């Protein structure tokens, strides 16, 4: 099998080829793509948290725990006592926020799975705004199917 280099018009003068050789272009593009993939940093989907250093020391006393339960209709309960509005939650968080970090009680937020997230976010924002450091979400087992 032979390769056709020019036209076979028969008059002896070869005609120039009008096709562009794309092989070098593709090679260069692949090399650039590989270089781009190698140089892009890996995107980590993490959240930076200020965690205390690990310690084997046991606490001297059991911590005081306040449970903030948020019912499906947005009613907020502080240790099983219903609070009238978010201002009452702010007042409770302010009381805790002015304490030293070692003396602050733990706040366990337990939202119902049917509650509007805005209410939960308002409680969490109140804790953050008032410098409450010992806060956690509990009751996540209700979301497991």
C-alpha atoms as a PDB file:
ATOM      1  CA  UNK A   1       0.000   0.000   0.000  1.00  0.00           C
ATOM      2  CA  UNK A   2       1.313   3.351  -0.917  1.00  0.00           C
ATOM      3  CA  UNK A   3       0.613   6.800   0.356  1.00  0.00           C
ATOM      4  CA  UNK A   4      -0.828   9.496  -1.829  1.00  0.00           C
ATOM      5  CA  UNK A   5       1.491  12.490  -1.440  1.00  0.00           C
ATOM      6  CA  UNK A   6       0.103  14.842  -4.030  1.00  0.00           C
ATOM      7  CA  UNK A   7      -2.628  14.992  -6.573  1.00  0.00           C
ATOM      8  CA  UNK A   8      -2.701  12.554  -9.409  1.00  0.00           C
ATOM      9  CA  UNK A   9      -3.586  15.069 -12.065  1.00  0.00           C
ATOM     10  CA  UNK A  10      -1.034  13.630 -14.464  1.00  0.00           C
ATOM     11  CA  UNK A  11       0.625  16.827 -15.620  1.00  0.00           C
ATOM     12  CA  UNK A  12       3.586  16.329 -13.290  1.00  0.00           C
ATOM     13  CA  UNK A  13       3.200  19.473 -11.171  1.00  0.00           C
ATOM     14  CA  UNK A  14       2.241  18.542  -7.606  1.00  0.00           C
ATOM     15  CA  UNK A  15      -0.471  20.643  -6.009  1.00  0.00           C
ATOM     16  CA  UNK A  16       0.069  21.913  -2.478  1.00  0.00           C
ATOM     17  CA  UNK A  17      -1.865  20.143   0.298  1.00  0.00           C
ATOM     18  CA  UNK A  18      -4.470  22.389   1.918  1.00  0.00           C
ATOM     19  CA  UNK A  19      -5.037  20.261   5.059  1.00  0.00           C
ATOM     20  CA  UNK A  20      -3.606  21.393   8.416  1.00  0.00           C
ATOM     21  CA  UNK A  21      -1.737  18.768  10.381  1.00  0.00           C
ATOM     22  CA  UNK A  22      -3.536  18.809  13.748  1.00  0.00           C
ATOM     23  CA  UNK A  23      -1.433  16.123  15.448  1.00  0.00           C
ATOM     24  CA  UNK A  24       1.148  18.571  16.895  1.00  0.00           C
ATOM     25  CA  UNK A  25      -1.652  20.861  18.043  1.00  0.00           C
ATOM     26  CA  UNK A  26      -3.384  18.023  19.889  1.00  0.00           C
ATOM     27  CA  UNK A  27      -0.068  16.945  21.458  1.00  0.00           C
ATOM     28  CA  UNK A  28       0.610  20.449  22.741  1.00  0.00           C
ATOM     29  CA  UNK A  29      -2.927  20.771  24.106  1.00  0.00           C
ATOM     30  CA  UNK A  30      -2.645  17.438  25.950  1.00  0.00           C
ATOM     31  CA  UNK A  31       0.684  18.482  27.489  1.00  0.00           C
ATOM     32  CA  UNK A  32      -0.857  21.783  28.633  1.00  0.00           C
ATOM     33  CA  UNK A  33      -3.855  19.962  30.065  1.00  0.00           C
ATOM     34  CA  UNK A  34      -1.633  17.597  32.050  1.00  0.00           C
ATOM     35  CA  UNK A  35       0.423  20.532  33.352  1.00  0.00           C
ATOM     36  CA  UNK A  36      -2.757  22.329  34.393  1.00  0.00           C
ATOM     37  CA  UNK A  37      -4.072  19.282  36.242  1.00  0.00           C
ATOM     38  CA  UNK A  38      -0.780  18.823  38.066  1.00  0.00           C
ATOM     39  CA  UNK A  39      -0.415  22.449  39.113  1.00  0.00           C
ATOM     40  CA  UNK A  40      -3.983  23.026  40.363  1.00  0.00           C
ATOM     41  CA  UNK A  41      -4.087  22.476  44.126  1.00  0.00           C
ATOM     42  CA  UNK A  42      -6.427  19.823  45.435  1.00  0.00           C
ATOM     43  CA  UNK A  43      -9.656  21.349  46.693  1.00  0.00           C
ATOM     44  CA  UNK A  44     -10.330  20.138  50.210  1.00  0.00           C
ATOM     45  CA  UNK A  45     -13.882  20.375  51.452  1.00  0.00           C
ATOM     46  CA  UNK A  46     -13.063  21.004  55.090  1.00  0.00           C
ATOM     47  CA  UNK A  47     -14.102  23.411  57.744  1.00  0.00           C
ATOM     48  CA  UNK A  48     -11.492  24.851  60.071  1.00  0.00           C
ATOM     49  CA  UNK A  49     -12.538  24.469  63.700  1.00  0.00           C
ATOM     50  CA  UNK A  50     -10.765  25.698  66.783  1.00  0.00           C
ATOM     51  CA  UNK A  51     -10.516  22.427  68.663  1.00  0.00           C
ATOM     52  CA  UNK A  52      -8.899  22.140  72.083  1.00  0.00           C
ATOM     53  CA  UNK A  53      -5.641  20.218  72.246  1.00  0.00           C
ATOM     54  CA  UNK A  54      -5.995  16.552  73.220  1.00  0.00           C
ATOM     55  CA  UNK A  55      -5.622  15.857  76.908  1.00  0.00           C
ATOM     56  CA  UNK A  56      -5.730  12.795  79.144  1.00  0.00           C
ATOM     57  CA  UNK A  57      -6.723  14.902  82.141  1.00  0.00           C
ATOM     58  CA  UNK A  58     -10.201  14.237  83.453  1.00  0.00           C
ATOM     59  CA  UNK A  59     -12.344  17.251  84.380  1.00  0.00           C
ATOM     60  CA  UNK A  60     -12.667  17.962  88.105  1.00  0.00           C
ATOM     61  CA  UNK A  61     -16.455  18.107  87.917  1.00  0.00           C
ATOM     62  CA  UNK A  62     -19.156  17.169  85.468  1.00  0.00           C
ATOM     63  CA  UNK A  63     -20.100  20.046  83.181  1.00  0.00           C
ATOM     64  CA  UNK A  64     -23.399  21.864  83.512  1.00  0.00           C
ATOM     65  CA  UNK A  65     -25.510  21.163  80.434  1.00  0.00           C
ATOM     66  CA  UNK A  66     -28.378  23.283  79.135  1.00  0.00           C
ATOM     67  CA  UNK A  67     -30.539  21.671  76.462  1.00  0.00           C
ATOM     68  CA  UNK A  68     -32.072  24.010  73.904  1.00  0.00           C
ATOM     69  CA  UNK A  69     -34.809  22.052  72.172  1.00  0.00           C
ATOM     70  CA  UNK A  70     -36.465  23.496  69.077  1.00  0.00           C
ATOM     71  CA  UNK A  71     -39.867  22.024  68.319  1.00  0.00           C
ATOM     72  CA  UNK A  72     -41.292  21.467  64.823  1.00  0.00           C
ATOM     73  CA  UNK A  73     -43.316  24.688  64.998  1.00  0.00           C
ATOM     74  CA  UNK A  74     -40.303  26.824  65.998  1.00  0.00           C
ATOM     75  CA  UNK A  75     -40.995  26.897  69.733  1.00  0.00           C
ATOM     76  CA  UNK A  76     -37.716  27.097  71.650  1.00  0.00           C
ATOM     77  CA  UNK A  77     -37.379  25.268  74.967  1.00  0.00           C
ATOM     78  CA  UNK A  78     -34.542  26.016  77.398  1.00  0.00           C
ATOM     79  CA  UNK A  79     -34.202  23.046  79.772  1.00  0.00           C
ATOM     80  CA  UNK A  80     -37.822  22.051  79.023  1.00  0.00           C
ATOM     81  CA  UNK A  81     -39.143  25.589  79.723  1.00  0.00           C
ATOM     82  CA  UNK A  82     -40.681  27.300  76.718  1.00  0.00           C
ATOM     83  CA  UNK A  83     -39.180  30.680  75.829  1.00  0.00           C
ATOM     84  CA  UNK A  84     -41.500  33.343  74.391  1.00  0.00           C
ATOM     85  CA  UNK A  85     -39.198  34.588  71.602  1.00  0.00           C
ATOM     86  CA  UNK A  86     -35.628  34.815  70.302  1.00  0.00           C
ATOM     87  CA  UNK A  87     -34.932  37.771  72.625  1.00  0.00           C
ATOM     88  CA  UNK A  88     -35.284  35.452  75.596  1.00  0.00           C
ATOM     89  CA  UNK A  89     -32.757  33.131  73.971  1.00  0.00           C
ATOM     90  CA  UNK A  90     -30.408  36.108  73.496  1.00  0.00           C
ATOM     91  CA  UNK A  91     -30.752  36.988  77.186  1.00  0.00           C
ATOM     92  CA  UNK A  92     -29.872  33.423  78.234  1.00  0.00           C
ATOM     93  CA  UNK A  93     -26.908  33.334  75.835  1.00  0.00           C
ATOM     94  CA  UNK A  94     -25.659  36.695  77.166  1.00  0.00           C
ATOM     95  CA  UNK A  95     -25.657  35.311  80.711  1.00  0.00           C
ATOM     96  CA  UNK A  96     -23.486  32.425  79.580  1.00  0.00           C
ATOM     97  CA  UNK A  97     -21.284  34.484  77.260  1.00  0.00           C
ATOM     98  CA  UNK A  98     -19.993  36.777  80.023  1.00  0.00           C
ATOM     99  CA  UNK A  99     -18.659  33.792  82.023  1.00  0.00           C
ATOM    100  CA  UNK A 100     -15.070  32.608  81.766  1.00  0.00           C
ATOM    101  CA  UNK A 101     -14.520  29.860  79.218  1.00  0.00           C
ATOM    102  CA  UNK A 102     -13.831  27.269  81.914  1.00  0.00           C
ATOM    103  CA  UNK A 103     -17.023  28.163  83.774  1.00  0.00           C
ATOM    104  CA  UNK A 104     -19.347  28.235  80.767  1.00  0.00           C
ATOM    105  CA  UNK A 105     -21.961  25.484  80.736  1.00  0.00           C
ATOM    106  CA  UNK A 106     -22.435  23.352  77.663  1.00  0.00           C
ATOM    107  CA  UNK A 107     -25.306  24.218  75.326  1.00  0.00           C
ATOM    108  CA  UNK A 108     -26.828  21.236  73.537  1.00  0.00           C
ATOM    109  CA  UNK A 109     -29.042  22.312  70.650  1.00  0.00           C
ATOM    110  CA  UNK A 110     -31.588  19.677  69.720  1.00  0.00           C
ATOM    111  CA  UNK A 111     -33.749  20.705  66.739  1.00  0.00           C
ATOM    112  CA  UNK A 112     -36.710  18.713  65.500  1.00  0.00           C
ATOM    113  CA  UNK A 113     -36.174  17.401  61.983  1.00  0.00           C
ATOM    114  CA  UNK A 114     -39.288  19.240  60.739  1.00  0.00           C
ATOM    115  CA  UNK A 115     -38.340  22.690  62.063  1.00  0.00           C
ATOM    116  CA  UNK A 116     -37.508  25.561  59.724  1.00  0.00           C
ATOM    117  CA  UNK A 117     -33.732  25.970  59.566  1.00  0.00           C
ATOM    118  CA  UNK A 118     -34.018  29.708  60.122  1.00  0.00           C
ATOM    119  CA  UNK A 119     -34.980  29.166  63.762  1.00  0.00           C
ATOM    120  CA  UNK A 120     -32.004  26.862  64.329  1.00  0.00           C
ATOM    121  CA  UNK A 121     -29.691  29.329  62.608  1.00  0.00           C
ATOM    122  CA  UNK A 122     -31.026  32.149  64.800  1.00  0.00           C
ATOM    123  CA  UNK A 123     -30.238  30.185  67.978  1.00  0.00           C
ATOM    124  CA  UNK A 124     -26.758  29.302  66.722  1.00  0.00           C
ATOM    125  CA  UNK A 125     -26.124  32.923  65.673  1.00  0.00           C
ATOM    126  CA  UNK A 126     -27.217  34.105  69.109  1.00  0.00           C
ATOM    127  CA  UNK A 127     -24.711  31.767  70.738  1.00  0.00           C
ATOM    128  CA  UNK A 128     -21.936  32.920  68.431  1.00  0.00           C
ATOM    129  CA  UNK A 129     -22.784  36.595  68.839  1.00  0.00           C
ATOM    130  CA  UNK A 130     -22.735  36.283  72.643  1.00  0.00           C
ATOM    131  CA  UNK A 131     -19.383  34.443  72.766  1.00  0.00           C
ATOM    132  CA  UNK A 132     -20.756  31.058  73.847  1.00  0.00           C
ATOM    133  CA  UNK A 133     -17.961  28.575  73.129  1.00  0.00           C
ATOM    134  CA  UNK A 134     -19.273  25.230  74.416  1.00  0.00           C
ATOM    135  CA  UNK A 135     -22.078  24.414  72.031  1.00  0.00           C
ATOM    136  CA  UNK A 136     -23.043  21.234  70.210  1.00  0.00           C
ATOM    137  CA  UNK A 137     -25.810  19.717  68.110  1.00  0.00           C
ATOM    138  CA  UNK A 138     -27.490  16.628  69.544  1.00  0.00           C
ATOM    139  CA  UNK A 139     -30.257  14.388  68.289  1.00  0.00           C
ATOM    140  CA  UNK A 140     -28.826  13.828  64.825  1.00  0.00           C
ATOM    141  CA  UNK A 141     -29.883  10.169  64.956  1.00  0.00           C
ATOM    142  CA  UNK A 142     -33.404  11.254  63.947  1.00  0.00           C
ATOM    143  CA  UNK A 143     -32.066  12.032  60.468  1.00  0.00           C
ATOM    144  CA  UNK A 144     -30.807   8.494  59.830  1.00  0.00           C
ATOM    145  CA  UNK A 145     -33.172   6.508  57.661  1.00  0.00           C
END
